[in-house]
C-alpha cells in the first residue's frame, strides 16, 4: 500500500533529522556543591536551521547557608550561516526553590519562576559547539547566574 509506505518513509525521515544531546555540570569548592543535568533534542530542518526543546535540573548547596533545587525547560533555535559559525536564541523558564539555613540572618525561603532569553554565538566543529551567550532578560536580584554573559558547550548526536 503506497499510503502506508509514504507514512513510514515520512516517519523515518523525521527521526533521521532529530539530534539528541545536552549537558552535565558539576561545580564545587569552599563548602559549595552544584550539579546540573540538561538533556535536549533538536530537529534539523536543513544544514542551516534547527530548533528544539530541553529540560534542566540543578541541585545546589552551600553549607550553613542554603539548599536550592532548580527545574525548568527551554526552547532553542540554531542558525548556521556557515558551517563553523552557530548563532542561537534560547528561551528558558526555571522554577527556583531556595531553602535557607535557619541560622542564616535572612532565612526567608524563596520559590519563584525566572525567565531567561539567551542570544549566543559559537564555533562549531562536527557535533560540538563552544561559544558565549548573553541573557537579555538578566535580573541580578533573581538570576541564578552571577553574570548575564556565560560560556556554553553544546553536543548533539
N, C-alpha and C. Protein backbone atom coordinates (compact mmCIF):
# COMPACT_ATOMS: atom_id res chain seq x y z
N UNK A 1 0.84 -1.17 0.00
CA UNK A 1 0.00 0.00 0.00
C UNK A 1 0.89 1.24 0.00
N UNK A 2 0.72 2.14 -0.98
CA UNK A 2 1.57 3.33 -1.12
C UNK A 2 1.38 4.33 0.01
N UNK A 3 0.17 4.43 0.55
CA UNK A 3 -0.07 5.37 1.64
C UNK A 3 0.71 4.95 2.87
N UNK A 4 0.69 3.67 3.23
CA UNK A 4 1.44 3.16 4.36
C UNK A 4 2.94 3.34 4.14
N UNK A 5 3.42 3.05 2.96
CA UNK A 5 4.84 3.20 2.65
C UNK A 5 5.27 4.65 2.77
N UNK A 6 4.49 5.60 2.25
CA UNK A 6 4.82 7.01 2.34
C UNK A 6 4.82 7.49 3.79
N UNK A 7 3.88 7.02 4.60
CA UNK A 7 3.82 7.40 6.01
C UNK A 7 5.04 6.86 6.76
N UNK A 8 5.44 5.62 6.46
CA UNK A 8 6.62 5.04 7.11
C UNK A 8 7.88 5.81 6.71
N UNK A 9 8.01 6.15 5.42
CA UNK A 9 9.18 6.91 4.96
C UNK A 9 9.21 8.29 5.61
N UNK A 10 8.05 8.93 5.74
CA UNK A 10 7.97 10.25 6.37
C UNK A 10 8.38 10.15 7.84
N UNK A 11 7.92 9.12 8.54
CA UNK A 11 8.26 8.90 9.95
C UNK A 11 9.76 8.67 10.10
N UNK A 12 10.34 7.83 9.25
CA UNK A 12 11.79 7.56 9.29
C UNK A 12 12.58 8.82 8.96
N UNK A 13 12.11 9.59 7.98
CA UNK A 13 12.78 10.83 7.59
C UNK A 13 12.79 11.82 8.76
N UNK A 14 11.69 11.92 9.49
CA UNK A 14 11.62 12.81 10.65
C UNK A 14 12.71 12.44 11.66
N UNK A 15 12.79 11.17 12.05
CA UNK A 15 13.74 10.75 13.07
C UNK A 15 15.19 10.82 12.59
N UNK A 16 15.41 10.78 11.29
CA UNK A 16 16.77 10.96 10.76
C UNK A 16 17.27 12.39 10.96
N UNK A 17 16.36 13.33 11.19
CA UNK A 17 16.73 14.74 11.37
C UNK A 17 16.73 15.19 12.83
N UNK A 18 16.42 14.28 13.75
CA UNK A 18 16.41 14.60 15.17
C UNK A 18 17.78 14.28 15.77
N UNK A 19 18.30 15.22 16.56
CA UNK A 19 19.59 15.05 17.24
C UNK A 19 19.35 15.20 18.75
N UNK A 20 19.98 14.33 19.51
CA UNK A 20 19.87 14.37 20.97
C UNK A 20 21.20 14.81 21.56
N UNK A 21 21.12 15.53 22.67
CA UNK A 21 22.35 15.98 23.32
C UNK A 21 22.02 16.62 24.64
N UNK A 22 22.82 17.61 24.99
CA UNK A 22 22.59 18.31 26.24
C UNK A 22 23.88 18.52 26.99
N UNK A 23 23.75 18.70 28.29
CA UNK A 23 24.93 18.99 29.09
C UNK A 23 24.83 18.46 30.50
N UNK A 24 25.99 18.30 31.10
CA UNK A 24 26.13 17.94 32.50
C UNK A 24 27.05 18.97 33.13
N UNK A 25 26.80 19.30 34.38
CA UNK A 25 27.68 20.27 35.05
C UNK A 25 27.88 19.93 36.50
N UNK A 26 29.10 20.14 36.97
CA UNK A 26 29.44 19.98 38.38
C UNK A 26 30.27 21.19 38.79
N UNK A 27 29.99 21.69 39.96
CA UNK A 27 30.76 22.80 40.49
C UNK A 27 30.89 22.59 42.00
N UNK A 28 32.10 22.73 42.51
CA UNK A 28 32.26 22.57 43.95
C UNK A 28 33.50 23.32 44.43
N UNK A 29 33.47 23.66 45.70
CA UNK A 29 34.58 24.36 46.34
C UNK A 29 34.09 25.15 47.53
N UNK A 30 34.94 25.34 48.51
CA UNK A 30 34.68 26.14 49.70
C UNK A 30 33.25 25.95 50.24
N UNK A 31 32.94 24.73 50.62
CA UNK A 31 31.63 24.37 51.19
C UNK A 31 30.46 24.53 50.21
N UNK A 32 30.74 24.53 48.91
CA UNK A 32 29.70 24.68 47.89
C UNK A 32 29.71 23.49 46.95
N UNK A 33 28.49 23.05 46.55
CA UNK A 33 28.35 21.99 45.55
C UNK A 33 27.17 22.32 44.66
N UNK A 34 27.32 22.06 43.36
CA UNK A 34 26.22 22.23 42.42
C UNK A 34 26.33 21.16 41.34
N UNK A 35 25.20 20.56 40.99
CA UNK A 35 25.16 19.57 39.92
C UNK A 35 23.99 19.83 39.00
N UNK A 36 24.22 19.74 37.69
CA UNK A 36 23.18 20.01 36.70
C UNK A 36 23.13 18.91 35.66
N UNK A 37 21.93 18.55 35.25
CA UNK A 37 21.73 17.68 34.10
C UNK A 37 20.72 18.39 33.19
N UNK A 38 21.06 18.47 31.90
CA UNK A 38 20.22 19.23 30.97
C UNK A 38 20.14 18.53 29.61
N UNK A 39 19.26 17.53 29.48
CA UNK A 39 19.10 16.86 28.19
C UNK A 39 18.30 17.73 27.22
N UNK A 40 18.57 17.56 25.93
CA UNK A 40 17.81 18.32 24.93
C UNK A 40 17.76 17.55 23.61
N UNK A 41 16.87 18.00 22.74
CA UNK A 41 16.72 17.41 21.41
C UNK A 41 16.43 18.54 20.43
N UNK A 42 17.00 18.42 19.23
CA UNK A 42 16.73 19.41 18.18
C UNK A 42 16.30 18.68 16.91
N UNK A 43 15.57 19.40 16.08
CA UNK A 43 15.20 18.90 14.77
C UNK A 43 15.93 19.77 13.75
N UNK A 44 16.74 19.15 12.87
CA UNK A 44 17.46 19.88 11.84
C UNK A 44 16.58 19.99 10.60
N UNK A 45 16.10 21.20 10.32
CA UNK A 45 15.26 21.42 9.14
C UNK A 45 16.09 21.31 7.87
N UNK A 46 17.34 21.80 7.94
CA UNK A 46 18.31 21.70 6.84
C UNK A 46 19.70 21.95 7.43
N UNK A 47 20.70 22.19 6.61
CA UNK A 47 22.07 22.39 7.11
C UNK A 47 22.25 23.69 7.88
N UNK A 48 21.29 24.61 7.74
CA UNK A 48 21.44 25.91 8.40
C UNK A 48 20.54 26.11 9.61
N UNK A 49 19.34 25.54 9.62
CA UNK A 49 18.38 25.81 10.68
C UNK A 49 18.04 24.55 11.48
N UNK A 50 17.94 24.76 12.82
CA UNK A 50 17.49 23.69 13.72
C UNK A 50 16.73 24.35 14.88
N UNK A 51 15.82 23.59 15.48
CA UNK A 51 15.08 24.07 16.64
C UNK A 51 14.77 22.88 17.54
N UNK A 52 14.63 23.16 18.83
CA UNK A 52 14.35 22.05 19.73
C UNK A 52 13.94 22.48 21.11
N UNK A 53 13.91 21.49 22.00
CA UNK A 53 13.48 21.69 23.38
C UNK A 53 14.50 21.05 24.32
N UNK A 54 14.47 21.51 25.57
CA UNK A 54 15.37 20.95 26.56
C UNK A 54 14.76 21.00 27.95
N UNK A 55 15.33 20.22 28.83
CA UNK A 55 14.95 20.20 30.24
C UNK A 55 16.19 20.55 31.06
N UNK A 56 15.97 21.04 32.29
CA UNK A 56 17.08 21.41 33.14
C UNK A 56 16.74 21.05 34.58
N UNK A 57 17.67 20.39 35.25
CA UNK A 57 17.52 20.09 36.68
C UNK A 57 18.85 20.37 37.36
N UNK A 58 18.81 21.22 38.38
CA UNK A 58 20.03 21.60 39.11
C UNK A 58 19.77 21.49 40.60
N UNK A 59 20.76 20.98 41.32
CA UNK A 59 20.74 20.97 42.77
C UNK A 59 22.00 21.69 43.23
N UNK A 60 21.84 22.63 44.16
CA UNK A 60 23.00 23.36 44.69
C UNK A 60 22.88 23.44 46.21
N UNK A 61 24.04 23.44 46.85
CA UNK A 61 24.05 23.54 48.31
C UNK A 61 25.31 24.27 48.76
N UNK A 62 25.11 25.25 49.65
CA UNK A 62 26.24 25.88 50.32
C UNK A 62 26.06 25.63 51.80
N UNK A 63 27.04 24.93 52.39
CA UNK A 63 26.93 24.52 53.79
C UNK A 63 26.67 25.72 54.69
N UNK A 64 25.74 25.55 55.61
CA UNK A 64 25.32 26.57 56.58
C UNK A 64 24.72 27.82 55.94
N UNK A 65 24.27 27.72 54.68
CA UNK A 65 23.67 28.88 54.03
C UNK A 65 22.34 28.52 53.34
N UNK A 66 22.38 27.62 52.33
CA UNK A 66 21.15 27.29 51.62
C UNK A 66 21.27 25.99 50.85
N UNK A 67 20.09 25.47 50.46
CA UNK A 67 19.95 24.37 49.50
C UNK A 67 19.02 24.89 48.42
N UNK A 68 19.28 24.53 47.18
CA UNK A 68 18.47 25.03 46.08
C UNK A 68 18.19 23.92 45.08
N UNK A 69 16.94 23.86 44.63
CA UNK A 69 16.54 22.96 43.56
C UNK A 69 15.96 23.82 42.45
N UNK A 70 16.47 23.61 41.23
CA UNK A 70 16.06 24.42 40.09
C UNK A 70 15.61 23.47 38.98
N UNK A 71 14.36 23.62 38.53
CA UNK A 71 13.82 22.78 37.47
C UNK A 71 13.24 23.68 36.39
N UNK A 72 13.41 23.28 35.12
CA UNK A 72 12.87 24.10 34.06
C UNK A 72 12.93 23.46 32.70
N UNK A 73 12.53 24.26 31.72
CA UNK A 73 12.52 23.81 30.33
C UNK A 73 12.95 24.96 29.44
N UNK A 74 13.34 24.61 28.20
CA UNK A 74 13.78 25.65 27.27
C UNK A 74 13.38 25.29 25.84
N UNK A 75 13.36 26.33 25.02
CA UNK A 75 13.13 26.20 23.58
C UNK A 75 14.32 26.89 22.92
N UNK A 76 14.94 26.21 21.95
CA UNK A 76 16.15 26.75 21.33
C UNK A 76 16.03 26.75 19.81
N UNK A 77 16.61 27.76 19.19
CA UNK A 77 16.72 27.79 17.73
C UNK A 77 18.18 28.05 17.38
N UNK A 78 18.65 27.36 16.35
CA UNK A 78 20.04 27.45 15.93
C UNK A 78 20.10 27.82 14.46
N UNK A 79 21.04 28.70 14.11
CA UNK A 79 21.24 29.11 12.73
C UNK A 79 22.74 29.07 12.43
N UNK A 80 23.10 28.36 11.36
CA UNK A 80 24.49 28.23 10.95
C UNK A 80 24.67 28.91 9.58
N UNK A 81 25.04 30.21 9.56
CA UNK A 81 25.21 30.89 8.28
C UNK A 81 26.34 30.28 7.45
N UNK A 82 27.37 29.78 8.15
CA UNK A 82 28.42 28.95 7.56
C UNK A 82 28.64 27.78 8.51
N UNK A 83 29.27 26.74 8.02
CA UNK A 83 29.38 25.50 8.80
C UNK A 83 30.00 25.71 10.18
N UNK A 84 31.00 26.58 10.30
CA UNK A 84 31.73 26.75 11.56
C UNK A 84 31.09 27.74 12.53
N UNK A 85 30.14 28.54 12.08
CA UNK A 85 29.55 29.58 12.91
C UNK A 85 28.11 29.22 13.27
N UNK A 86 27.80 29.25 14.56
CA UNK A 86 26.44 28.95 15.01
C UNK A 86 25.90 30.12 15.84
N UNK A 87 24.76 30.64 15.42
CA UNK A 87 24.04 31.67 16.17
C UNK A 87 22.86 30.99 16.85
N UNK A 88 22.55 31.40 18.08
CA UNK A 88 21.47 30.74 18.80
C UNK A 88 20.61 31.73 19.56
N UNK A 89 19.36 31.35 19.75
CA UNK A 89 18.42 32.05 20.61
C UNK A 89 17.73 30.97 21.44
N UNK A 90 17.74 31.16 22.76
CA UNK A 90 17.16 30.15 23.65
C UNK A 90 16.35 30.82 24.75
N UNK A 91 15.08 30.45 24.84
CA UNK A 91 14.24 30.92 25.93
C UNK A 91 14.16 29.81 26.97
N UNK A 92 14.46 30.17 28.21
CA UNK A 92 14.47 29.19 29.30
C UNK A 92 13.61 29.72 30.45
N UNK A 93 12.79 28.86 31.01
CA UNK A 93 11.96 29.21 32.16
C UNK A 93 12.31 28.25 33.28
N UNK A 94 12.78 28.80 34.40
CA UNK A 94 13.23 27.98 35.53
C UNK A 94 12.41 28.28 36.78
N UNK A 95 12.10 27.22 37.53
CA UNK A 95 11.50 27.37 38.84
C UNK A 95 12.61 27.22 39.86
N UNK A 96 12.85 28.28 40.62
CA UNK A 96 13.93 28.32 41.60
C UNK A 96 13.33 28.14 42.98
N UNK A 97 13.81 27.14 43.71
CA UNK A 97 13.34 26.86 45.06
C UNK A 97 14.56 26.87 45.98
N UNK A 98 14.70 27.94 46.77
CA UNK A 98 15.85 28.08 47.69
C UNK A 98 15.36 27.98 49.13
N UNK A 99 16.00 27.11 49.87
CA UNK A 99 15.71 26.95 51.29
C UNK A 99 16.94 27.36 52.08
N UNK A 100 16.82 28.48 52.81
CA UNK A 100 17.96 29.00 53.57
C UNK A 100 18.08 28.31 54.92
N UNK A 101 19.30 28.18 55.38
CA UNK A 101 19.59 27.58 56.68
C UNK A 101 18.94 28.44 57.77
N UNK A 102 18.40 27.80 58.79
CA UNK A 102 17.70 28.54 59.85
C UNK A 102 18.62 29.48 60.62
N UNK A 103 19.94 29.26 60.58
CA UNK A 103 20.88 30.12 61.28
C UNK A 103 21.33 31.32 60.43
N UNK A 104 20.93 31.33 59.17
CA UNK A 104 21.31 32.43 58.28
C UNK A 104 20.49 33.66 58.65
N UNK A 105 21.10 34.84 58.62
CA UNK A 105 20.45 36.09 59.05
C UNK A 105 19.12 36.31 58.32
N UNK A 106 19.12 36.21 56.99
CA UNK A 106 17.89 36.41 56.22
C UNK A 106 17.41 35.03 55.75
N UNK A 107 16.77 34.28 56.64
CA UNK A 107 16.42 32.90 56.34
C UNK A 107 15.03 32.75 55.71
N UNK A 108 14.62 33.71 54.90
CA UNK A 108 13.33 33.64 54.22
C UNK A 108 13.50 32.77 52.97
N UNK A 109 12.80 31.64 52.94
CA UNK A 109 12.89 30.75 51.78
C UNK A 109 12.28 31.42 50.55
N UNK A 110 12.71 30.96 49.40
CA UNK A 110 12.34 31.57 48.13
C UNK A 110 11.83 30.51 47.17
N UNK A 111 10.76 30.80 46.45
CA UNK A 111 10.30 29.95 45.36
C UNK A 111 9.69 30.85 44.31
N UNK A 112 10.31 30.89 43.12
CA UNK A 112 9.85 31.79 42.07
C UNK A 112 10.23 31.24 40.69
N UNK A 113 9.58 31.80 39.67
CA UNK A 113 9.90 31.47 38.28
C UNK A 113 10.83 32.54 37.74
N UNK A 114 11.82 32.10 36.97
CA UNK A 114 12.77 33.05 36.39
C UNK A 114 12.96 32.77 34.90
N UNK A 115 12.62 33.75 34.04
CA UNK A 115 12.81 33.57 32.60
C UNK A 115 14.18 34.08 32.16
N UNK A 116 14.75 33.45 31.14
CA UNK A 116 15.99 33.91 30.52
C UNK A 116 15.81 33.85 29.01
N UNK A 117 16.40 34.79 28.32
CA UNK A 117 16.44 34.77 26.87
C UNK A 117 17.90 34.95 26.47
N UNK A 118 18.52 33.84 26.06
CA UNK A 118 19.93 33.85 25.71
C UNK A 118 20.12 34.02 24.21
N UNK A 119 20.97 34.95 23.83
CA UNK A 119 21.41 35.10 22.45
C UNK A 119 22.89 34.71 22.44
N UNK A 120 23.27 33.81 21.54
CA UNK A 120 24.63 33.30 21.57
C UNK A 120 25.28 33.19 20.22
N UNK A 121 26.59 33.06 20.27
CA UNK A 121 27.40 32.83 19.08
C UNK A 121 28.46 31.81 19.46
N UNK A 122 28.69 30.84 18.55
CA UNK A 122 29.65 29.80 18.87
C UNK A 122 30.39 29.30 17.65
N UNK A 123 31.51 28.64 17.92
CA UNK A 123 32.30 27.98 16.89
C UNK A 123 31.88 26.52 16.87
N UNK A 124 31.52 26.02 15.69
CA UNK A 124 31.02 24.64 15.56
C UNK A 124 32.00 23.79 14.77
N UNK A 125 32.27 22.62 15.29
CA UNK A 125 33.04 21.62 14.57
C UNK A 125 32.39 20.27 14.81
N UNK A 126 31.88 19.66 13.75
CA UNK A 126 31.18 18.38 13.88
C UNK A 126 29.95 18.52 14.75
N UNK A 127 29.85 17.67 15.78
CA UNK A 127 28.70 17.67 16.69
C UNK A 127 28.87 18.63 17.86
N UNK A 128 30.01 19.30 17.95
CA UNK A 128 30.37 20.09 19.12
C UNK A 128 30.38 21.58 18.78
N UNK A 129 29.81 22.40 19.68
CA UNK A 129 29.84 23.86 19.55
C UNK A 129 30.26 24.46 20.88
N UNK A 130 31.18 25.42 20.84
CA UNK A 130 31.61 26.16 22.03
C UNK A 130 31.45 27.64 21.73
N UNK A 131 30.94 28.38 22.71
CA UNK A 131 30.75 29.81 22.46
C UNK A 131 30.39 30.58 23.70
N UNK A 132 29.78 31.73 23.46
CA UNK A 132 29.36 32.63 24.54
C UNK A 132 27.91 33.03 24.28
N UNK A 133 27.15 33.21 25.37
CA UNK A 133 25.77 33.64 25.24
C UNK A 133 25.49 34.73 26.26
N UNK A 134 24.46 35.53 25.96
CA UNK A 134 24.10 36.67 26.80
C UNK A 134 22.61 36.61 27.12
N UNK A 135 22.25 36.79 28.39
CA UNK A 135 20.85 36.77 28.83
C UNK A 135 20.31 38.19 28.76
N UNK A 136 19.47 38.46 27.76
CA UNK A 136 18.93 39.82 27.59
C UNK A 136 17.88 40.16 28.65
N UNK A 137 17.36 39.18 29.38
CA UNK A 137 16.38 39.41 30.45
C UNK A 137 17.03 39.38 31.83
N UNK A 138 18.33 39.43 31.91
CA UNK A 138 19.08 39.26 33.16
C UNK A 138 18.60 40.23 34.25
N UNK A 139 18.37 39.68 35.45
CA UNK A 139 17.99 40.44 36.63
C UNK A 139 18.92 39.98 37.75
N UNK A 140 19.84 40.81 38.15
CA UNK A 140 20.86 40.37 39.12
C UNK A 140 20.29 39.97 40.47
N UNK A 141 19.08 40.43 40.80
CA UNK A 141 18.46 40.06 42.08
C UNK A 141 17.78 38.70 42.04
N UNK A 142 17.39 38.24 40.85
CA UNK A 142 16.64 36.97 40.74
C UNK A 142 17.40 35.87 40.01
N UNK A 143 18.34 36.24 39.18
CA UNK A 143 19.04 35.23 38.37
C UNK A 143 19.83 34.26 39.24
N UNK A 144 19.91 33.03 38.77
CA UNK A 144 20.74 32.05 39.45
C UNK A 144 22.19 32.17 38.98
N UNK A 145 22.43 33.01 37.99
CA UNK A 145 23.76 33.21 37.45
C UNK A 145 24.34 34.53 37.95
N UNK A 146 25.66 34.57 38.14
CA UNK A 146 26.31 35.77 38.66
C UNK A 146 26.43 36.87 37.61
N UNK A 147 26.31 36.51 36.33
CA UNK A 147 26.58 37.44 35.24
C UNK A 147 25.69 37.10 34.05
N UNK A 148 25.28 38.08 33.24
CA UNK A 148 24.47 37.76 32.06
C UNK A 148 25.27 37.08 30.94
N UNK A 149 26.58 37.24 30.95
CA UNK A 149 27.46 36.58 29.96
C UNK A 149 27.89 35.23 30.49
N UNK A 150 27.81 34.20 29.66
CA UNK A 150 28.31 32.90 30.11
C UNK A 150 28.75 32.05 28.92
N UNK A 151 29.82 31.29 29.12
CA UNK A 151 30.26 30.37 28.06
C UNK A 151 29.30 29.20 27.97
N UNK A 152 29.27 28.54 26.80
CA UNK A 152 28.47 27.34 26.66
C UNK A 152 29.21 26.32 25.79
N UNK A 153 28.82 25.08 25.98
CA UNK A 153 29.31 23.95 25.19
C UNK A 153 28.10 23.11 24.84
N UNK A 154 27.90 22.83 23.55
CA UNK A 154 26.77 22.02 23.10
C UNK A 154 27.28 20.81 22.33
N UNK A 155 26.63 19.68 22.58
CA UNK A 155 26.95 18.46 21.83
C UNK A 155 25.63 17.83 21.41
N UNK A 156 25.50 17.54 20.11
CA UNK A 156 24.32 16.83 19.59
C UNK A 156 24.78 15.66 18.72
N UNK A 157 24.14 14.52 18.93
CA UNK A 157 24.47 13.31 18.15
C UNK A 157 23.34 12.92 17.25
